[in-house]
Amino acid sequence: MKYITSGTCSKEIDFEVVGGKLHNVRYLGGCNGNLKGIGALVEGMEVNEAISRLKGIKCGMKNTSCPDQLAIALEKYLATANA
């Protein structure tokens, strides 16, 4: 799934969900090393666990962050998968 981010330095998040688990998380733009780290940390994690851990994280004075945007993207994924 491709998700266009809002309010962050990254512009887009690409990811796959297989068997309820998160795979191949890739960000376009943003802090390259940190975002590769997020992708590595959530690899194989259950979608709901990733949402629980990442939702609400802020970046500086912003109301969101790249991890928070991933949580939002995953919630949207679940909403469309369950529709």
PDB file of N, CA and C in Angstrom:
ATOM      1  N   MET A   1       0.850  -1.176   0.000  1.00  0.00           N
ATOM      2  CA  MET A   1       0.000   0.000   0.000  1.00  0.00           C
ATOM      3  C   MET A   1       0.892   1.233   0.000  1.00  0.00           C
ATOM      4  N   LYS A   2       0.462   2.238  -0.710  1.00  0.00           N
ATOM      5  CA  LYS A   2       1.139   3.530  -0.693  1.00  0.00           C
ATOM      6  C   LYS A   2       0.290   4.502   0.102  1.00  0.00           C
ATOM      7  N   TYR A   3       0.936   5.256   0.981  1.00  0.00           N
ATOM      8  CA  TYR A   3       0.238   6.255   1.781  1.00  0.00           C
ATOM      9  C   TYR A   3       0.991   7.575   1.662  1.00  0.00           C
ATOM     10  N   ILE A   4       0.289   8.629   1.288  1.00  0.00           N
ATOM     11  CA  ILE A   4       0.876   9.964   1.198  1.00  0.00           C
ATOM     12  C   ILE A   4       0.805  10.589   2.583  1.00  0.00           C
ATOM     13  N   THR A   5       1.964  10.942   3.129  1.00  0.00           N
ATOM     14  CA  THR A   5       2.029  11.489   4.482  1.00  0.00           C
ATOM     15  C   THR A   5       1.602  12.946   4.516  1.00  0.00           C
ATOM     16  N   SER A   6       1.339  13.428   5.719  1.00  0.00           N
ATOM     17  CA  SER A   6       0.937  14.813   5.933  1.00  0.00           C
ATOM     18  C   SER A   6       1.626  15.336   7.182  1.00  0.00           C
ATOM     19  N   GLY A   7       2.264  16.493   7.073  1.00  0.00           N
ATOM     20  CA  GLY A   7       2.863  17.137   8.238  1.00  0.00           C
ATOM     21  C   GLY A   7       4.231  16.623   8.629  1.00  0.00           C
ATOM     22  N   THR A   8       4.890  15.864   7.746  1.00  0.00           N
ATOM     23  CA  THR A   8       6.208  15.323   8.047  1.00  0.00           C
ATOM     24  C   THR A   8       7.175  15.610   6.903  1.00  0.00           C
ATOM     25  N   CYS A   9       8.453  15.407   7.162  1.00  0.00           N
ATOM     26  CA  CYS A   9       9.475  15.569   6.124  1.00  0.00           C
ATOM     27  C   CYS A   9       9.355  14.475   5.064  1.00  0.00           C
ATOM     28  N   SER A  10       8.965  13.279   5.477  1.00  0.00           N
ATOM     29  CA  SER A  10       8.758  12.209   4.499  1.00  0.00           C
ATOM     30  C   SER A  10       7.498  12.527   3.697  1.00  0.00           C
ATOM     31  N   LYS A  11       7.460  12.055   2.476  1.00  0.00           N
ATOM     32  CA  LYS A  11       6.339  12.358   1.578  1.00  0.00           C
ATOM     33  C   LYS A  11       5.405  11.176   1.361  1.00  0.00           C
ATOM     34  N   GLU A  12       5.926   9.968   1.547  1.00  0.00           N
ATOM     35  CA  GLU A  12       5.144   8.775   1.240  1.00  0.00           C
ATOM     36  C   GLU A  12       5.681   7.589   2.030  1.00  0.00           C
ATOM     37  N   ILE A  13       4.774   6.664   2.359  1.00  0.00           N
ATOM     38  CA  ILE A  13       5.160   5.412   2.998  1.00  0.00           C
ATOM     39  C   ILE A  13       4.610   4.275   2.134  1.00  0.00           C
ATOM     40  N   ASP A  14       5.464   3.322   1.835  1.00  0.00           N
ATOM     41  CA  ASP A  14       5.050   2.104   1.135  1.00  0.00           C
ATOM     42  C   ASP A  14       5.212   0.940   2.115  1.00  0.00           C
ATOM     43  N   PHE A  15       4.240   0.033   2.131  1.00  0.00           N
ATOM     44  CA  PHE A  15       4.342  -1.138   2.999  1.00  0.00           C
ATOM     45  C   PHE A  15       3.462  -2.250   2.476  1.00  0.00           C
ATOM     46  N   GLU A  16       3.711  -3.435   2.979  1.00  0.00           N
ATOM     47  CA  GLU A  16       2.902  -4.613   2.660  1.00  0.00           C
ATOM     48  C   GLU A  16       2.426  -5.232   3.966  1.00  0.00           C
ATOM     49  N   VAL A  17       1.254  -5.830   3.922  1.00  0.00           N
ATOM     50  CA  VAL A  17       0.742  -6.599   5.052  1.00  0.00           C
ATOM     51  C   VAL A  17       0.474  -8.007   4.537  1.00  0.00           C
ATOM     52  N   VAL A  18       1.103  -8.984   5.173  1.00  0.00           N
ATOM     53  CA  VAL A  18       0.932 -10.386   4.797  1.00  0.00           C
ATOM     54  C   VAL A  18       0.587 -11.155   6.064  1.00  0.00           C
ATOM     55  N   GLY A  19      -0.567 -11.782   6.063  1.00  0.00           N
ATOM     56  CA  GLY A  19      -0.983 -12.553   7.229  1.00  0.00           C
ATOM     57  C   GLY A  19      -1.103 -11.705   8.486  1.00  0.00           C
ATOM     58  N   GLY A  20      -1.510 -10.452   8.321  1.00  0.00           N
ATOM     59  CA  GLY A  20      -1.678  -9.558   9.467  1.00  0.00           C
ATOM     60  C   GLY A  20      -0.388  -8.953   9.993  1.00  0.00           C
ATOM     61  N   LYS A  21       0.722  -9.229   9.299  1.00  0.00           N
ATOM     62  CA  LYS A  21       2.025  -8.715   9.748  1.00  0.00           C
ATOM     63  C   LYS A  21       2.593  -7.735   8.731  1.00  0.00           C
ATOM     64  N   LEU A  22       3.308  -6.767   9.243  1.00  0.00           N
ATOM     65  CA  LEU A  22       3.871  -5.682   8.456  1.00  0.00           C
ATOM     66  C   LEU A  22       5.196  -6.078   7.823  1.00  0.00           C
ATOM     67  N   HIS A  23       5.356  -5.741   6.534  1.00  0.00           N
ATOM     68  CA  HIS A  23       6.587  -6.071   5.813  1.00  0.00           C
ATOM     69  C   HIS A  23       6.970  -4.951   4.852  1.00  0.00           C
ATOM     70  N   ASN A  24       8.263  -4.848   4.598  1.00  0.00           N
ATOM     71  CA  ASN A  24       8.809  -3.958   3.573  1.00  0.00           C
ATOM     72  C   ASN A  24       8.370  -2.509   3.712  1.00  0.00           C
ATOM     73  N   VAL A  25       8.456  -1.963   4.922  1.00  0.00           N
ATOM     74  CA  VAL A  25       8.116  -0.553   5.143  1.00  0.00           C
ATOM     75  C   VAL A  25       9.234   0.310   4.576  1.00  0.00           C
ATOM     76  N   ARG A  26       8.846   1.213   3.673  1.00  0.00           N
ATOM     77  CA  ARG A  26       9.807   2.119   3.047  1.00  0.00           C
ATOM     78  C   ARG A  26       9.203   3.520   3.028  1.00  0.00           C
ATOM     79  N   TYR A  27      10.006   4.499   3.423  1.00  0.00           N
ATOM     80  CA  TYR A  27       9.601   5.898   3.390  1.00  0.00           C
ATOM     81  C   TYR A  27      10.275   6.587   2.219  1.00  0.00           C
ATOM     82  N   LEU A  28       9.592   7.555   1.619  1.00  0.00           N
ATOM     83  CA  LEU A  28      10.166   8.410   0.591  1.00  0.00           C
ATOM     84  C   LEU A  28      10.403   9.774   1.227  1.00  0.00           C
ATOM     85  N   GLY A  29      11.653  10.203   1.257  1.00  0.00           N
ATOM     86  CA  GLY A  29      12.010  11.464   1.905  1.00  0.00           C
ATOM     87  C   GLY A  29      12.206  11.256   3.393  1.00  0.00           C
ATOM     88  N   GLY A  30      12.507  12.341   4.088  1.00  0.00           N
ATOM     89  CA  GLY A  30      12.687  12.273   5.530  1.00  0.00           C
ATOM     90  C   GLY A  30      14.097  11.882   5.927  1.00  0.00           C
ATOM     91  N   CYS A  31      14.276  11.566   7.179  1.00  0.00           N
ATOM     92  CA  CYS A  31      15.581  11.215   7.761  1.00  0.00           C
ATOM     93  C   CYS A  31      15.901   9.758   7.438  1.00  0.00           C
ATOM     94  N   ASN A  32      16.689   9.541   6.424  1.00  0.00           N
ATOM     95  CA  ASN A  32      16.924   8.219   5.852  1.00  0.00           C
ATOM     96  C   ASN A  32      17.262   7.148   6.886  1.00  0.00           C
ATOM     97  N   GLY A  33      18.248   7.390   7.725  1.00  0.00           N
ATOM     98  CA  GLY A  33      18.666   6.371   8.690  1.00  0.00           C
ATOM     99  C   GLY A  33      17.584   6.058   9.708  1.00  0.00           C
ATOM    100  N   ASN A  34      16.957   7.081  10.244  1.00  0.00           N
ATOM    101  CA  ASN A  34      15.898   6.869  11.236  1.00  0.00           C
ATOM    102  C   ASN A  34      14.725   6.103  10.631  1.00  0.00           C
ATOM    103  N   LEU A  35      14.376   6.434   9.407  1.00  0.00           N
ATOM    104  CA  LEU A  35      13.226   5.786   8.790  1.00  0.00           C
ATOM    105  C   LEU A  35      13.533   4.349   8.382  1.00  0.00           C
ATOM    106  N   LYS A  36      14.764   4.074   7.996  1.00  0.00           N
ATOM    107  CA  LYS A  36      15.161   2.684   7.764  1.00  0.00           C
ATOM    108  C   LYS A  36      15.097   1.918   9.080  1.00  0.00           C
ATOM    109  N   GLY A  37      15.460   2.571  10.169  1.00  0.00           N
ATOM    110  CA  GLY A  37      15.390   1.947  11.489  1.00  0.00           C
ATOM    111  C   GLY A  37      13.971   1.589  11.869  1.00  0.00           C
ATOM    112  N   ILE A  38      13.036   2.497  11.633  1.00  0.00           N
ATOM    113  CA  ILE A  38      11.626   2.210  11.916  1.00  0.00           C
ATOM    114  C   ILE A  38      11.181   0.995  11.107  1.00  0.00           C
ATOM    115  N   GLY A  39      11.517   0.988   9.817  1.00  0.00           N
ATOM    116  CA  GLY A  39      11.144  -0.141   8.969  1.00  0.00           C
ATOM    117  C   GLY A  39      11.689  -1.461   9.486  1.00  0.00           C
ATOM    118  N   ALA A  40      12.940  -1.443   9.934  1.00  0.00           N
ATOM    119  CA  ALA A  40      13.559  -2.668  10.460  1.00  0.00           C
ATOM    120  C   ALA A  40      12.894  -3.098  11.762  1.00  0.00           C
ATOM    121  N   LEU A  41      12.551  -2.157  12.613  1.00  0.00           N
ATOM    122  CA  LEU A  41      11.948  -2.489  13.904  1.00  0.00           C
ATOM    123  C   LEU A  41      10.533  -3.057  13.782  1.00  0.00           C
ATOM    124  N   VAL A  42       9.772  -2.596  12.795  1.00  0.00           N
ATOM    125  CA  VAL A  42       8.393  -3.078  12.668  1.00  0.00           C
ATOM    126  C   VAL A  42       8.269  -4.268  11.716  1.00  0.00           C
ATOM    127  N   GLU A  43       9.356  -4.663  11.058  1.00  0.00           N
ATOM    128  CA  GLU A  43       9.317  -5.803  10.132  1.00  0.00           C
ATOM    129  C   GLU A  43       8.791  -7.050  10.846  1.00  0.00           C
ATOM    130  N   GLY A  44       7.710  -7.617  10.305  1.00  0.00           N
ATOM    131  CA  GLY A  44       7.118  -8.829  10.868  1.00  0.00           C
ATOM    132  C   GLY A  44       6.214  -8.598  12.060  1.00  0.00           C
ATOM    133  N   MET A  45       6.031  -7.341  12.453  1.00  0.00           N
ATOM    134  CA  MET A  45       5.187  -7.017  13.607  1.00  0.00           C
ATOM    135  C   MET A  45       3.713  -7.064  13.196  1.00  0.00           C
ATOM    136  N   GLU A  46       2.873  -7.518  14.112  1.00  0.00           N
ATOM    137  CA  GLU A  46       1.428  -7.484  13.886  1.00  0.00           C
ATOM    138  C   GLU A  46       0.999  -6.032  13.685  1.00  0.00           C
ATOM    139  N   VAL A  47       0.075  -5.810  12.754  1.00  0.00           N
ATOM    140  CA  VAL A  47      -0.365  -4.459  12.415  1.00  0.00           C
ATOM    141  C   VAL A  47      -0.880  -3.717  13.644  1.00  0.00           C
ATOM    142  N   ASN A  48      -1.726  -4.340  14.442  1.00  0.00           N
ATOM    143  CA  ASN A  48      -2.283  -3.658  15.616  1.00  0.00           C
ATOM    144  C   ASN A  48      -1.212  -3.318  16.650  1.00  0.00           C
ATOM    145  N   GLU A  49      -0.201  -4.143  16.770  1.00  0.00           N
ATOM    146  CA  GLU A  49       0.911  -3.858  17.677  1.00  0.00           C
ATOM    147  C   GLU A  49       1.684  -2.638  17.202  1.00  0.00           C
ATOM    148  N   ALA A  50       1.940  -2.553  15.902  1.00  0.00           N
ATOM    149  CA  ALA A  50       2.645  -1.389  15.353  1.00  0.00           C
ATOM    150  C   ALA A  50       1.846  -0.118  15.592  1.00  0.00           C
ATOM    151  N   ILE A  51       0.541  -0.168  15.363  1.00  0.00           N
ATOM    152  CA  ILE A  51      -0.313   0.999  15.603  1.00  0.00           C
ATOM    153  C   ILE A  51      -0.214   1.408  17.066  1.00  0.00           C
ATOM    154  N   SER A  52      -0.335   0.450  17.968  1.00  0.00           N
ATOM    155  CA  SER A  52      -0.285   0.715  19.403  1.00  0.00           C
ATOM    156  C   SER A  52       1.019   1.381  19.823  1.00  0.00           C
ATOM    157  N   ARG A  53       2.114   0.946  19.255  1.00  0.00           N
ATOM    158  CA  ARG A  53       3.422   1.478  19.634  1.00  0.00           C
ATOM    159  C   ARG A  53       3.727   2.837  19.010  1.00  0.00           C
ATOM    160  N   LEU A  54       3.218   3.101  17.805  1.00  0.00           N
ATOM    161  CA  LEU A  54       3.625   4.286  17.044  1.00  0.00           C
ATOM    162  C   LEU A  54       2.639   5.451  17.096  1.00  0.00           C
ATOM    163  N   LYS A  55       1.366   5.159  17.321  1.00  0.00           N
ATOM    164  CA  LYS A  55       0.340   6.208  17.262  1.00  0.00           C
ATOM    165  C   LYS A  55       0.572   7.271  18.333  1.00  0.00           C
ATOM    166  N   GLY A  56       0.508   8.518  17.894  1.00  0.00           N
ATOM    167  CA  GLY A  56       0.600   9.643  18.820  1.00  0.00           C
ATOM    168  C   GLY A  56       2.003  10.179  19.042  1.00  0.00           C
ATOM    169  N   ILE A  57       3.012   9.546  18.471  1.00  0.00           N
ATOM    170  CA  ILE A  57       4.375  10.061  18.610  1.00  0.00           C
ATOM    171  C   ILE A  57       4.465  11.379  17.847  1.00  0.00           C
ATOM    172  N   LYS A  58       5.046  12.379  18.487  1.00  0.00           N
ATOM    173  CA  LYS A  58       5.194  13.703  17.883  1.00  0.00           C
ATOM    174  C   LYS A  58       6.650  13.930  17.501  1.00  0.00           C
ATOM    175  N   CYS A  59       6.872  14.829  16.533  1.00  0.00           N
ATOM    176  CA  CYS A  59       8.216  15.214  16.104  1.00  0.00           C
ATOM    177  C   CYS A  59       8.380  16.708  16.399  1.00  0.00           C
ATOM    178  N   GLY A  60       9.159  17.020  17.424  1.00  0.00           N
ATOM    179  CA  GLY A  60       9.357  18.422  17.782  1.00  0.00           C
ATOM    180  C   GLY A  60       8.039  19.093  18.096  1.00  0.00           C
ATOM    181  N   MET A  61       7.778  20.212  17.459  1.00  0.00           N
ATOM    182  CA  MET A  61       6.546  20.972  17.686  1.00  0.00           C
ATOM    183  C   MET A  61       5.411  20.535  16.757  1.00  0.00           C
ATOM    184  N   LYS A  62       5.668  19.566  15.890  1.00  0.00           N
ATOM    185  CA  LYS A  62       4.642  19.090  14.965  1.00  0.00           C
ATOM    186  C   LYS A  62       3.620  18.238  15.712  1.00  0.00           C
ATOM    187  N   ASN A  63       2.428  18.159  15.164  1.00  0.00           N
ATOM    188  CA  ASN A  63       1.370  17.348  15.770  1.00  0.00           C
ATOM    189  C   ASN A  63       1.448  15.883  15.369  1.00  0.00           C
ATOM    190  N   THR A  64       2.423  15.533  14.556  1.00  0.00           N
ATOM    191  CA  THR A  64       2.572  14.165  14.066  1.00  0.00           C
ATOM    192  C   THR A  64       4.056  13.868  13.886  1.00  0.00           C
ATOM    193  N   SER A  65       4.358  12.696  13.362  1.00  0.00           N
ATOM    194  CA  SER A  65       5.739  12.287  13.087  1.00  0.00           C
ATOM    195  C   SER A  65       5.683  11.194  12.033  1.00  0.00           C
ATOM    196  N   CYS A  66       6.829  10.785  11.553  1.00  0.00           N
ATOM    197  CA  CYS A  66       6.860   9.679  10.587  1.00  0.00           C
ATOM    198  C   CYS A  66       6.323   8.375  11.193  1.00  0.00           C
ATOM    199  N   PRO A  67       6.664   8.041  12.452  1.00  0.00           N
ATOM    200  CA  PRO A  67       6.060   6.840  13.039  1.00  0.00           C
ATOM    201  C   PRO A  67       4.540   6.968  13.195  1.00  0.00           C
ATOM    202  N   ASP A  68       4.074   8.148  13.617  1.00  0.00           N
ATOM    203  CA  ASP A  68       2.639   8.393  13.762  1.00  0.00           C
ATOM    204  C   ASP A  68       1.941   8.270  12.411  1.00  0.00           C
ATOM    205  N   GLN A  69       2.570   8.774  11.356  1.00  0.00           N
ATOM    206  CA  GLN A  69       1.987   8.665  10.021  1.00  0.00           C
ATOM    207  C   GLN A  69       1.874   7.208   9.584  1.00  0.00           C
ATOM    208  N   LEU A  70       2.831   6.377   9.967  1.00  0.00           N
ATOM    209  CA  LEU A  70       2.729   4.950   9.671  1.00  0.00           C
ATOM    210  C   LEU A  70       1.540   4.344  10.402  1.00  0.00           C
ATOM    211  N   ALA A  71       1.335   4.719  11.658  1.00  0.00           N
ATOM    212  CA  ALA A  71       0.180   4.220  12.414  1.00  0.00           C
ATOM    213  C   ALA A  71      -1.124   4.635  11.737  1.00  0.00           C
ATOM    214  N   ILE A  72      -1.194   5.874  11.284  1.00  0.00           N
ATOM    215  CA  ILE A  72      -2.391   6.360  10.592  1.00  0.00           C
ATOM    216  C   ILE A  72      -2.602   5.582   9.292  1.00  0.00           C
ATOM    217  N   ALA A  73      -1.526   5.352   8.546  1.00  0.00           N
ATOM    218  CA  ALA A  73      -1.614   4.577   7.309  1.00  0.00           C
ATOM    219  C   ALA A  73      -2.120   3.162   7.595  1.00  0.00           C
ATOM    220  N   LEU A  74      -1.633   2.558   8.664  1.00  0.00           N
ATOM    221  CA  LEU A  74      -2.060   1.199   9.010  1.00  0.00           C
ATOM    222  C   LEU A  74      -3.523   1.169   9.431  1.00  0.00           C
ATOM    223  N   GLU A  75      -3.985   2.198  10.131  1.00  0.00           N
ATOM    224  CA  GLU A  75      -5.412   2.273  10.478  1.00  0.00           C
ATOM    225  C   GLU A  75      -6.270   2.373   9.221  1.00  0.00           C
ATOM    226  N   LYS A  76      -5.815   3.171   8.260  1.00  0.00           N
ATOM    227  CA  LYS A  76      -6.549   3.285   6.995  1.00  0.00           C
ATOM    228  C   LYS A  76      -6.536   1.963   6.247  1.00  0.00           C
ATOM    229  N   TYR A  77      -5.400   1.270   6.292  1.00  0.00           N
ATOM    230  CA  TYR A  77      -5.321  -0.051   5.669  1.00  0.00           C
ATOM    231  C   TYR A  77      -6.350  -0.998   6.297  1.00  0.00           C
ATOM    232  N   LEU A  78      -6.407  -1.039   7.626  1.00  0.00           N
ATOM    233  CA  LEU A  78      -7.357  -1.912   8.303  1.00  0.00           C
ATOM    234  C   LEU A  78      -8.802  -1.557   7.967  1.00  0.00           C
ATOM    235  N   ALA A  79      -9.085  -0.258   7.870  1.00  0.00           N
ATOM    236  CA  ALA A  79     -10.439   0.175   7.549  1.00  0.00           C
ATOM    237  C   ALA A  79     -10.866  -0.292   6.160  1.00  0.00           C
ATOM    238  N   THR A  80      -9.924  -0.255   5.205  1.00  0.00           N
ATOM    239  CA  THR A  80     -10.276  -0.698   3.852  1.00  0.00           C
ATOM    240  C   THR A  80     -10.269  -2.222   3.744  1.00  0.00           C
ATOM    241  N   ALA A  81      -9.405  -2.877   4.510  1.00  0.00           N
ATOM    242  CA  ALA A  81      -9.347  -4.345   4.480  1.00  0.00           C
ATOM    243  C   ALA A  81     -10.591  -4.952   5.110  1.00  0.00           C
ATOM    244  N   ASN A  82     -11.167  -4.249   6.091  1.00  0.00           N
ATOM    245  CA  ASN A  82     -12.348  -4.765   6.799  1.00  0.00           C
ATOM    246  C   ASN A  82     -13.656  -4.276   6.196  1.00  0.00           C
ATOM    247  N   ALA A  83     -13.574  -3.475   5.135  1.00  0.00           N
ATOM    248  CA  ALA A  83     -14.798  -2.907   4.530  1.00  0.00           C
ATOM    249  C   ALA A  83     -15.480  -3.895   3.616  1.00  0.00           C
TER     250      ALA A  83
END
